[in-house]
Amino acid sequence: MMWLLLLFSFLNLLTVLAAFGREKKRKLKSFPKVSILCRVWDDEEVVERFIKNCLDQDYPNLEIIIADDASTDDTPKICEKYARKGLIKFYRAKRHHEKKAGLMNKVIKEMATGEIILATDVDAVFSKGWVKELVRHLQKSDAVSAPVIGGNFTTWMSKIRIVEDFWLFGASMLGRYRLLGKSALYGSNTGIKLDVLRKVGYYSMKTLTEDAELSLEVMSRFKTSFCDRAIVLVEDVEDLKSYLNERKRWLHGTIRSSLLHKGDIVYGTLTVINYTLSFQFLLSLFSLSNPFALLSCLLNLSSVLLSLKRFRAKKEVYPWVLPYLLLDPFLQALTLIGISHDLLRYGKVRWVKVSGEKYHLGRELKPPFKGKVFNP
């Protein structure tokens, strides 16, 4: 058992080490038309910020499509203001969709005219060069993903989530791409060629995580990549209830997607090893009298610290590495209990809108890292 944990910790360290070093910046040979697609639902506090952020992009051939999932607040009114001026395309659904894939597929088929679809979330904030960076990668790949990192360093929950973002949705994804030549697609920051999306049958309706299903299908048939320059800031959840509502859907949907779609065994195995780093750390911690357990702990701790260094995390993020490593296994266990409860009581895991006293209220998102990589 301890030898296995030690092997896993070495693989985690190898993954983050592979993430170091900058890729050579490719020149854009052309400017294919790009459609930014965003689904909104009762997001009146953040939708205008999102639209303005899109309009501020340094890209000459762009259309912005907002798909409203039957909002009951002022979201449609705000979007219609920009649609009347011809600045965006706006679609308003007559009924709410339990699975947003149905709405997204309909809007893509009826409204998208771009050769490339960029999908992200309404709370996302990105730099002016976001579109350009993703398009650069799509010159040599069929789909691309990029880091998603929280910009609300506020509560204990959001702080440990931001540490997780640096590791799981930054360094480990980049490292796996560098090692294995392919990348998973993360829903909040993904670009895909429209003809590829058509060939895989658009977004699947089988689970609550349409991005995970799309990722597995595209990775098995097409070339995917990971762009470390196109970072997107989002609002991470800030309390336990919101975390469980979000993670039950994520974890259950990812497991179901993996069972439904054939994936790359090597890539999938390394992903699981990276994802369970905190469990490995905690198991090793219980056996510190064993020198191999101590080494495993140190290697996994180093992996997370190096992921922060790779993306130049600010100094206030570092103290939250240990809380993340110690608390994350218990949070994941609570998530599994929550999934079991939902399946026994309702027969399914329900899609619950994440909310909170401060969540999605248009607060300024600030990069938890240094440098000029991000300049909205």
Protein backbone atom coordinates (compact mmCIF):
# COMPACT_ATOMS: atom_id res chain seq x y z
CA MET A 1 0.00 0.00 0.00
CA MET A 2 2.73 2.46 0.97
CA TRP A 3 4.70 1.68 -2.18
CA LEU A 4 1.59 2.49 -4.22
CA LEU A 5 1.10 5.82 -2.42
CA LEU A 6 4.75 6.64 -3.02
CA LEU A 7 4.39 5.85 -6.73
CA PHE A 8 1.31 8.07 -6.95
CA SER A 9 3.09 10.94 -5.20
CA PHE A 10 6.01 10.67 -7.65
CA LEU A 11 3.52 10.83 -10.55
CA ASN A 12 1.89 13.92 -9.04
CA LEU A 13 5.29 15.59 -8.78
CA LEU A 14 6.19 14.57 -12.34
CA THR A 15 2.92 16.09 -13.56
CA VAL A 16 3.54 19.49 -12.01
CA LEU A 17 7.19 19.54 -13.09
CA ALA A 18 6.07 18.94 -16.67
CA ALA A 19 3.91 22.07 -16.39
CA PHE A 20 6.92 24.36 -15.97
CA GLY A 21 8.29 26.26 -18.95
CA ARG A 22 6.39 28.51 -21.33
CA GLU A 23 5.22 27.42 -24.74
CA LYS A 24 6.45 29.34 -27.73
CA LYS A 25 3.79 31.86 -28.69
CA ARG A 26 2.33 31.04 -32.09
CA LYS A 27 1.52 33.77 -34.59
CA LEU A 28 -2.08 33.99 -35.71
CA LYS A 29 -2.19 33.12 -39.40
CA SER A 30 -5.83 34.15 -39.78
CA PHE A 31 -8.82 35.32 -37.77
CA PRO A 32 -11.59 32.73 -38.17
CA LYS A 33 -15.00 33.80 -36.93
CA VAL A 34 -15.52 32.96 -33.27
CA SER A 35 -18.81 32.56 -31.40
CA ILE A 36 -18.67 33.08 -27.63
CA LEU A 37 -21.54 31.12 -26.10
CA CYS A 38 -22.80 31.65 -22.56
CA ARG A 39 -25.90 30.25 -20.91
CA VAL A 40 -27.47 32.49 -18.23
CA TRP A 41 -30.18 31.93 -15.65
CA ASP A 42 -31.23 34.66 -13.20
CA ASP A 43 -27.84 36.36 -13.48
CA GLU A 44 -28.84 40.04 -13.57
CA GLU A 45 -25.95 41.06 -11.30
CA VAL A 46 -23.16 39.67 -13.49
CA VAL A 47 -24.46 39.36 -17.05
CA GLU A 48 -23.66 42.94 -18.04
CA ARG A 49 -20.10 42.62 -16.76
CA PHE A 50 -19.75 39.49 -18.86
CA ILE A 51 -21.08 41.15 -22.01
CA LYS A 52 -18.77 44.16 -21.59
CA ASN A 53 -15.83 41.83 -21.03
CA CYS A 54 -16.63 40.05 -24.31
CA LEU A 55 -17.07 43.32 -26.21
CA ASP A 56 -13.63 44.41 -24.96
CA GLN A 57 -11.88 41.45 -26.59
CA ASP A 58 -8.93 42.19 -28.86
CA TYR A 59 -10.28 40.05 -31.70
CA PRO A 60 -11.72 41.36 -34.99
CA ASN A 61 -14.13 38.57 -36.01
CA LEU A 62 -16.36 37.80 -33.05
CA GLU A 63 -20.01 37.22 -32.19
CA ILE A 64 -21.41 37.00 -28.67
CA ILE A 65 -24.40 34.72 -28.02
CA ILE A 66 -26.27 34.82 -24.73
CA ALA A 67 -28.70 31.93 -24.15
CA ASP A 68 -31.19 32.77 -21.40
CA ASP A 69 -32.65 29.72 -19.65
CA ALA A 70 -36.03 31.29 -18.78
CA SER A 71 -34.75 33.81 -16.23
CA THR A 72 -37.32 35.44 -13.94
CA ASP A 73 -35.22 38.49 -12.99
CA ASP A 74 -33.90 41.38 -15.14
CA THR A 75 -31.38 39.26 -17.03
CA PRO A 76 -33.44 39.31 -20.29
CA LYS A 77 -33.95 43.09 -20.07
CA ILE A 78 -30.20 43.70 -19.78
CA CYS A 79 -29.40 41.35 -22.66
CA GLU A 80 -32.10 42.80 -24.92
CA LYS A 81 -30.58 46.25 -24.47
CA TYR A 82 -27.35 45.04 -26.08
CA ALA A 83 -29.16 42.89 -28.65
CA ARG A 84 -31.15 45.90 -29.93
CA LYS A 85 -27.85 47.68 -30.60
CA GLY A 86 -26.63 44.67 -32.57
CA LEU A 87 -23.78 44.04 -30.13
CA ILE A 88 -24.87 40.53 -29.14
CA LYS A 89 -27.22 37.77 -30.24
CA PHE A 90 -29.81 36.89 -27.63
CA TYR A 91 -32.02 33.83 -27.26
CA ARG A 92 -34.63 33.50 -24.54
CA ALA A 93 -36.03 30.06 -23.72
CA LYS A 94 -39.74 29.76 -22.92
CA ARG A 95 -39.10 27.13 -20.26
CA HIS A 96 -36.20 26.25 -18.00
CA HIS A 97 -33.99 23.30 -18.96
CA GLU A 98 -32.91 20.88 -16.24
CA LYS A 99 -29.91 19.98 -18.40
CA LYS A 100 -28.42 23.04 -20.05
CA ALA A 101 -27.02 20.94 -22.92
CA GLY A 102 -30.44 20.98 -24.60
CA LEU A 103 -30.55 24.78 -24.64
CA MET A 104 -26.94 25.13 -25.76
CA ASN A 105 -27.39 22.68 -28.64
CA LYS A 106 -30.50 24.48 -29.87
CA VAL A 107 -28.80 27.89 -29.76
CA ILE A 108 -25.62 26.64 -31.49
CA LYS A 109 -27.63 25.06 -34.31
CA GLU A 110 -29.90 28.08 -34.83
CA MET A 111 -27.64 31.06 -34.12
CA ALA A 112 -23.90 30.29 -34.16
CA THR A 113 -22.11 31.30 -37.35
CA GLY A 114 -18.53 31.06 -36.08
CA GLU A 115 -16.06 28.39 -37.12
CA ILE A 116 -15.06 28.16 -33.46
CA ILE A 117 -17.27 27.96 -30.36
CA LEU A 118 -15.88 29.32 -27.08
CA ALA A 119 -17.91 28.21 -24.07
CA THR A 120 -17.63 29.81 -20.65
CA ASP A 121 -19.74 30.86 -17.65
CA VAL A 122 -21.48 34.16 -16.96
CA ASP A 123 -19.38 34.90 -13.86
CA ALA A 124 -16.16 34.53 -15.89
CA VAL A 125 -13.74 37.44 -16.28
CA PHE A 126 -10.92 37.19 -18.80
CA SER A 127 -8.14 39.28 -20.31
CA LYS A 128 -8.47 41.17 -23.59
CA GLY A 129 -6.37 38.56 -25.37
CA TRP A 130 -8.41 35.57 -24.20
CA VAL A 131 -9.98 34.79 -27.58
CA LYS A 132 -6.70 35.26 -29.46
CA GLU A 133 -4.83 32.86 -27.17
CA LEU A 134 -7.41 30.09 -27.59
CA VAL A 135 -7.59 30.60 -31.36
CA ARG A 136 -3.79 30.31 -31.55
CA HIS A 137 -4.01 26.82 -30.08
CA LEU A 138 -6.88 25.87 -32.38
CA GLN A 139 -4.61 26.45 -35.37
CA LYS A 140 -3.00 23.08 -34.49
CA SER A 141 -5.72 21.31 -32.49
CA ASP A 142 -9.45 20.63 -32.72
CA ALA A 143 -10.36 21.67 -29.18
CA VAL A 144 -8.61 23.53 -26.39
CA SER A 145 -9.06 24.17 -22.68
CA ALA A 146 -7.31 26.62 -20.35
CA PRO A 147 -6.94 27.36 -16.61
CA VAL A 148 -9.93 28.39 -14.50
CA ILE A 149 -9.00 30.04 -11.19
CA GLY A 150 -11.15 31.67 -8.52
CA GLY A 151 -10.93 35.41 -8.14
CA ASN A 152 -12.83 35.77 -4.86
CA PHE A 153 -10.28 35.12 -2.11
CA THR A 154 -12.81 35.71 0.66
CA THR A 155 -14.01 32.79 2.85
CA TRP A 156 -12.19 29.66 4.05
CA MET A 157 -14.06 27.66 1.42
CA SER A 158 -13.17 29.88 -1.51
CA LYS A 159 -9.55 30.05 -0.34
CA ILE A 160 -9.05 26.29 -0.34
CA ARG A 161 -10.97 26.09 -3.63
CA ILE A 162 -8.51 28.54 -5.16
CA VAL A 163 -5.61 26.34 -4.05
CA GLU A 164 -7.40 23.45 -5.76
CA ASP A 165 -7.82 25.56 -8.90
CA PHE A 166 -4.07 26.18 -9.13
CA TRP A 167 -3.40 22.46 -8.77
CA LEU A 168 -6.28 20.60 -10.48
CA PHE A 169 -7.46 23.09 -13.11
CA GLY A 170 -4.08 24.68 -13.76
CA ALA A 171 -0.82 22.82 -13.23
CA SER A 172 -2.04 19.21 -13.33
CA MET A 173 -4.07 19.73 -16.53
CA LEU A 174 -1.14 21.51 -18.17
CA GLY A 175 1.27 18.82 -16.96
CA ARG A 176 -0.89 16.00 -18.32
CA TYR A 177 -1.05 17.78 -21.66
CA ARG A 178 2.72 18.17 -21.77
CA LEU A 179 3.28 14.51 -20.81
CA LEU A 180 0.57 12.82 -22.87
CA GLY A 181 -0.14 15.26 -25.70
CA LYS A 182 -3.85 15.66 -24.96
CA SER A 183 -6.09 17.63 -22.62
CA ALA A 184 -9.48 17.29 -21.01
CA LEU A 185 -11.96 20.09 -21.70
CA TYR A 186 -13.18 22.19 -18.77
CA GLY A 187 -16.61 23.77 -19.27
CA SER A 188 -15.76 27.24 -17.97
CA ASN A 189 -12.92 27.74 -20.44
CA THR A 190 -13.16 25.68 -23.62
CA GLY A 191 -12.81 26.29 -27.35
CA ILE A 192 -13.87 23.80 -30.00
CA LYS A 193 -14.20 23.87 -33.77
CA LEU A 194 -17.86 23.84 -34.82
CA ASP A 195 -17.41 21.03 -37.33
CA VAL A 196 -15.88 18.87 -34.56
CA LEU A 197 -18.82 19.63 -32.27
CA ARG A 198 -21.18 18.54 -35.05
CA LYS A 199 -19.26 15.31 -35.65
CA VAL A 200 -19.59 14.24 -32.00
CA GLY A 201 -23.31 15.05 -31.97
CA TYR A 202 -23.08 18.32 -30.02
CA TYR A 203 -23.42 18.31 -26.22
CA SER A 204 -24.79 15.08 -24.73
CA MET A 205 -27.95 15.03 -22.59
CA LYS A 206 -27.13 11.82 -20.74
CA THR A 207 -25.60 13.39 -17.59
CA LEU A 208 -25.54 16.68 -15.67
CA THR A 209 -21.94 17.35 -16.76
CA GLU A 210 -22.17 17.91 -20.49
CA ASP A 211 -18.60 19.26 -20.54
CA ALA A 212 -17.20 16.00 -19.10
CA GLU A 213 -19.08 13.96 -21.69
CA LEU A 214 -17.92 16.22 -24.50
CA SER A 215 -14.36 16.02 -23.20
CA LEU A 216 -14.26 12.22 -23.29
CA GLU A 217 -15.87 12.02 -26.73
CA VAL A 218 -13.62 14.65 -28.31
CA MET A 219 -10.41 13.34 -26.70
CA SER A 220 -11.05 9.86 -28.11
CA ARG A 221 -11.44 11.10 -31.70
CA PHE A 222 -9.70 14.45 -32.14
CA LYS A 223 -6.62 16.44 -31.13
CA THR A 224 -7.00 18.45 -27.95
CA SER A 225 -4.63 20.93 -26.27
CA PHE A 226 -4.22 23.08 -23.17
CA CYS A 227 -3.37 26.80 -23.29
CA ASP A 228 -1.70 28.16 -20.14
CA ARG A 229 -2.03 31.79 -21.28
CA ALA A 230 -5.83 32.05 -21.52
CA ILE A 231 -6.69 32.13 -17.81
CA VAL A 232 -10.31 32.74 -16.80
CA LEU A 233 -11.28 34.06 -13.36
CA VAL A 234 -14.53 32.77 -11.85
CA GLU A 235 -16.35 32.98 -8.53
CA ASP A 236 -15.58 29.93 -6.43
CA VAL A 237 -18.20 28.74 -3.95
CA GLU A 238 -17.93 30.31 -0.52
CA ASP A 239 -19.81 27.98 1.88
CA LEU A 240 -20.28 24.27 2.51
CA LYS A 241 -23.85 24.05 1.22
CA SER A 242 -22.90 25.63 -2.11
CA TYR A 243 -19.85 23.38 -2.36
CA LEU A 244 -21.95 20.24 -1.91
CA ASN A 245 -24.59 21.39 -4.41
CA GLU A 246 -21.87 22.05 -6.98
CA ARG A 247 -19.70 19.00 -6.31
CA LYS A 248 -22.51 16.44 -6.21
CA ARG A 249 -23.31 17.34 -9.79
CA TRP A 250 -19.64 17.48 -10.84
CA LEU A 251 -18.60 14.17 -9.26
CA HIS A 252 -21.71 12.16 -10.12
CA GLY A 253 -21.74 13.49 -13.68
CA THR A 254 -18.04 12.79 -14.20
CA ILE A 255 -18.37 9.22 -12.90
CA ARG A 256 -21.40 8.56 -15.12
CA SER A 257 -19.67 10.13 -18.12
CA SER A 258 -16.67 7.87 -17.59
CA LEU A 259 -18.94 4.81 -17.51
CA LEU A 260 -20.84 5.89 -20.64
CA HIS A 261 -17.89 6.96 -22.79
CA LYS A 262 -14.68 5.14 -23.56
CA GLY A 263 -11.71 7.25 -22.47
CA ASP A 264 -7.94 7.03 -22.73
CA ILE A 265 -6.86 4.64 -19.93
CA VAL A 266 -3.44 6.25 -19.37
CA TYR A 267 -4.81 9.81 -19.33
CA GLY A 268 -7.75 8.76 -17.13
CA THR A 269 -5.51 6.97 -14.64
CA LEU A 270 -3.17 9.93 -14.27
CA THR A 271 -6.19 12.23 -13.87
CA VAL A 272 -7.54 10.09 -11.02
CA ILE A 273 -4.10 10.04 -9.36
CA ASN A 274 -3.88 13.84 -9.60
CA TYR A 275 -7.47 14.29 -8.42
CA THR A 276 -6.94 12.14 -5.30
CA LEU A 277 -3.71 13.84 -4.20
CA SER A 278 -5.29 15.10 -0.96
CA PHE A 279 -6.47 11.57 -0.09
CA GLN A 280 -2.95 10.29 -0.70
CA PHE A 281 -1.56 13.04 1.55
CA LEU A 282 -3.96 12.21 4.38
CA LEU A 283 -3.37 8.44 4.17
CA SER A 284 0.39 9.00 4.29
CA LEU A 285 -0.05 11.39 7.22
CA PHE A 286 -1.58 8.58 9.31
CA SER A 287 1.60 6.51 8.85
CA LEU A 288 4.33 9.09 9.35
CA SER A 289 6.43 6.67 11.38
CA ASN A 290 7.12 4.97 8.05
CA PRO A 291 9.86 6.88 6.15
CA PHE A 292 8.13 6.13 2.85
CA ALA A 293 4.93 7.72 4.17
CA LEU A 294 6.86 10.85 5.16
CA LEU A 295 8.40 11.02 1.68
CA SER A 296 4.97 10.61 0.08
CA CYS A 297 3.58 13.47 2.21
CA LEU A 298 6.46 15.75 1.27
CA LEU A 299 6.18 14.93 -2.44
CA ASN A 300 2.45 15.67 -2.54
CA LEU A 301 2.88 18.85 -0.52
CA SER A 302 5.63 19.91 -2.92
CA SER A 303 3.38 19.21 -5.92
CA VAL A 304 0.70 21.63 -4.71
CA LEU A 305 3.25 24.27 -3.68
CA LEU A 306 4.93 24.02 -7.08
CA SER A 307 1.57 24.40 -8.84
CA LEU A 308 1.16 27.74 -7.04
CA LYS A 309 4.68 28.73 -8.03
CA ARG A 310 4.06 27.73 -11.67
CA PHE A 311 1.18 30.21 -11.95
CA ARG A 312 2.84 32.81 -9.70
CA ALA A 313 0.28 32.68 -6.90
CA LYS A 314 0.30 35.61 -4.48
CA LYS A 315 1.86 34.99 -1.06
CA GLU A 316 -1.49 35.01 0.76
CA VAL A 317 -2.53 31.83 -1.09
CA TYR A 318 0.32 29.65 0.25
CA PRO A 319 -0.93 29.36 3.88
CA TRP A 320 -4.08 27.67 2.55
CA VAL A 321 -2.24 24.72 1.00
CA LEU A 322 -2.28 22.62 4.20
CA PRO A 323 -5.97 23.38 4.96
CA TYR A 324 -6.77 22.25 1.42
CA LEU A 325 -4.81 19.01 1.78
CA LEU A 326 -6.35 18.23 5.18
CA LEU A 327 -9.96 19.25 4.50
CA ASP A 328 -10.44 18.19 0.88
CA PRO A 329 -10.71 14.42 1.60
CA PHE A 330 -13.53 15.06 4.09
CA LEU A 331 -15.30 17.40 1.67
CA GLN A 332 -15.10 14.73 -1.04
CA ALA A 333 -16.46 12.15 1.42
CA LEU A 334 -19.39 14.46 2.24
CA THR A 335 -20.00 14.82 -1.48
CA LEU A 336 -20.23 11.04 -1.90
CA ILE A 337 -22.64 10.86 1.05
CA GLY A 338 -24.72 13.61 -0.56
CA ILE A 339 -24.81 11.75 -3.88
CA SER A 340 -25.92 8.55 -2.11
CA HIS A 341 -28.64 10.48 -0.26
CA ASP A 342 -29.98 12.02 -3.47
CA LEU A 343 -29.98 8.71 -5.33
CA LEU A 344 -31.81 6.92 -2.51
CA ARG A 345 -34.35 9.70 -1.92
CA TYR A 346 -34.95 11.11 -5.40
CA GLY A 347 -33.54 8.43 -7.68
CA LYS A 348 -31.17 10.97 -9.22
CA VAL A 349 -28.75 13.78 -8.41
CA ARG A 350 -30.58 17.03 -9.00
CA TRP A 351 -29.18 20.16 -10.64
CA VAL A 352 -29.31 22.84 -7.93
CA LYS A 353 -28.43 26.44 -8.73
CA VAL A 354 -25.53 27.59 -6.56
CA SER A 355 -26.38 30.74 -4.63
CA GLY A 356 -25.33 32.66 -1.55
CA GLU A 357 -25.36 36.02 0.21
CA LYS A 358 -22.51 37.31 -1.95
CA TYR A 359 -22.34 34.82 -4.81
CA HIS A 360 -22.85 36.20 -8.33
CA LEU A 361 -23.57 39.73 -7.14
CA GLY A 362 -21.07 41.39 -9.45
CA ARG A 363 -18.18 41.78 -7.01
CA GLU A 364 -14.82 42.56 -8.55
CA LEU A 365 -12.78 39.43 -9.17
CA LYS A 366 -9.08 39.87 -8.49
CA PRO A 367 -6.35 37.57 -9.82
CA PRO A 368 -4.79 35.53 -6.97
CA PHE A 369 -1.57 35.49 -8.96
CA LYS A 370 1.09 38.05 -9.93
CA GLY A 371 2.26 39.26 -13.30
CA LYS A 372 0.77 40.61 -16.51
CA VAL A 373 -0.78 37.38 -17.74
CA PHE A 374 -4.19 38.69 -16.76
CA ASN A 375 -5.18 42.28 -17.49
CA PRO A 376 -8.95 42.74 -17.99
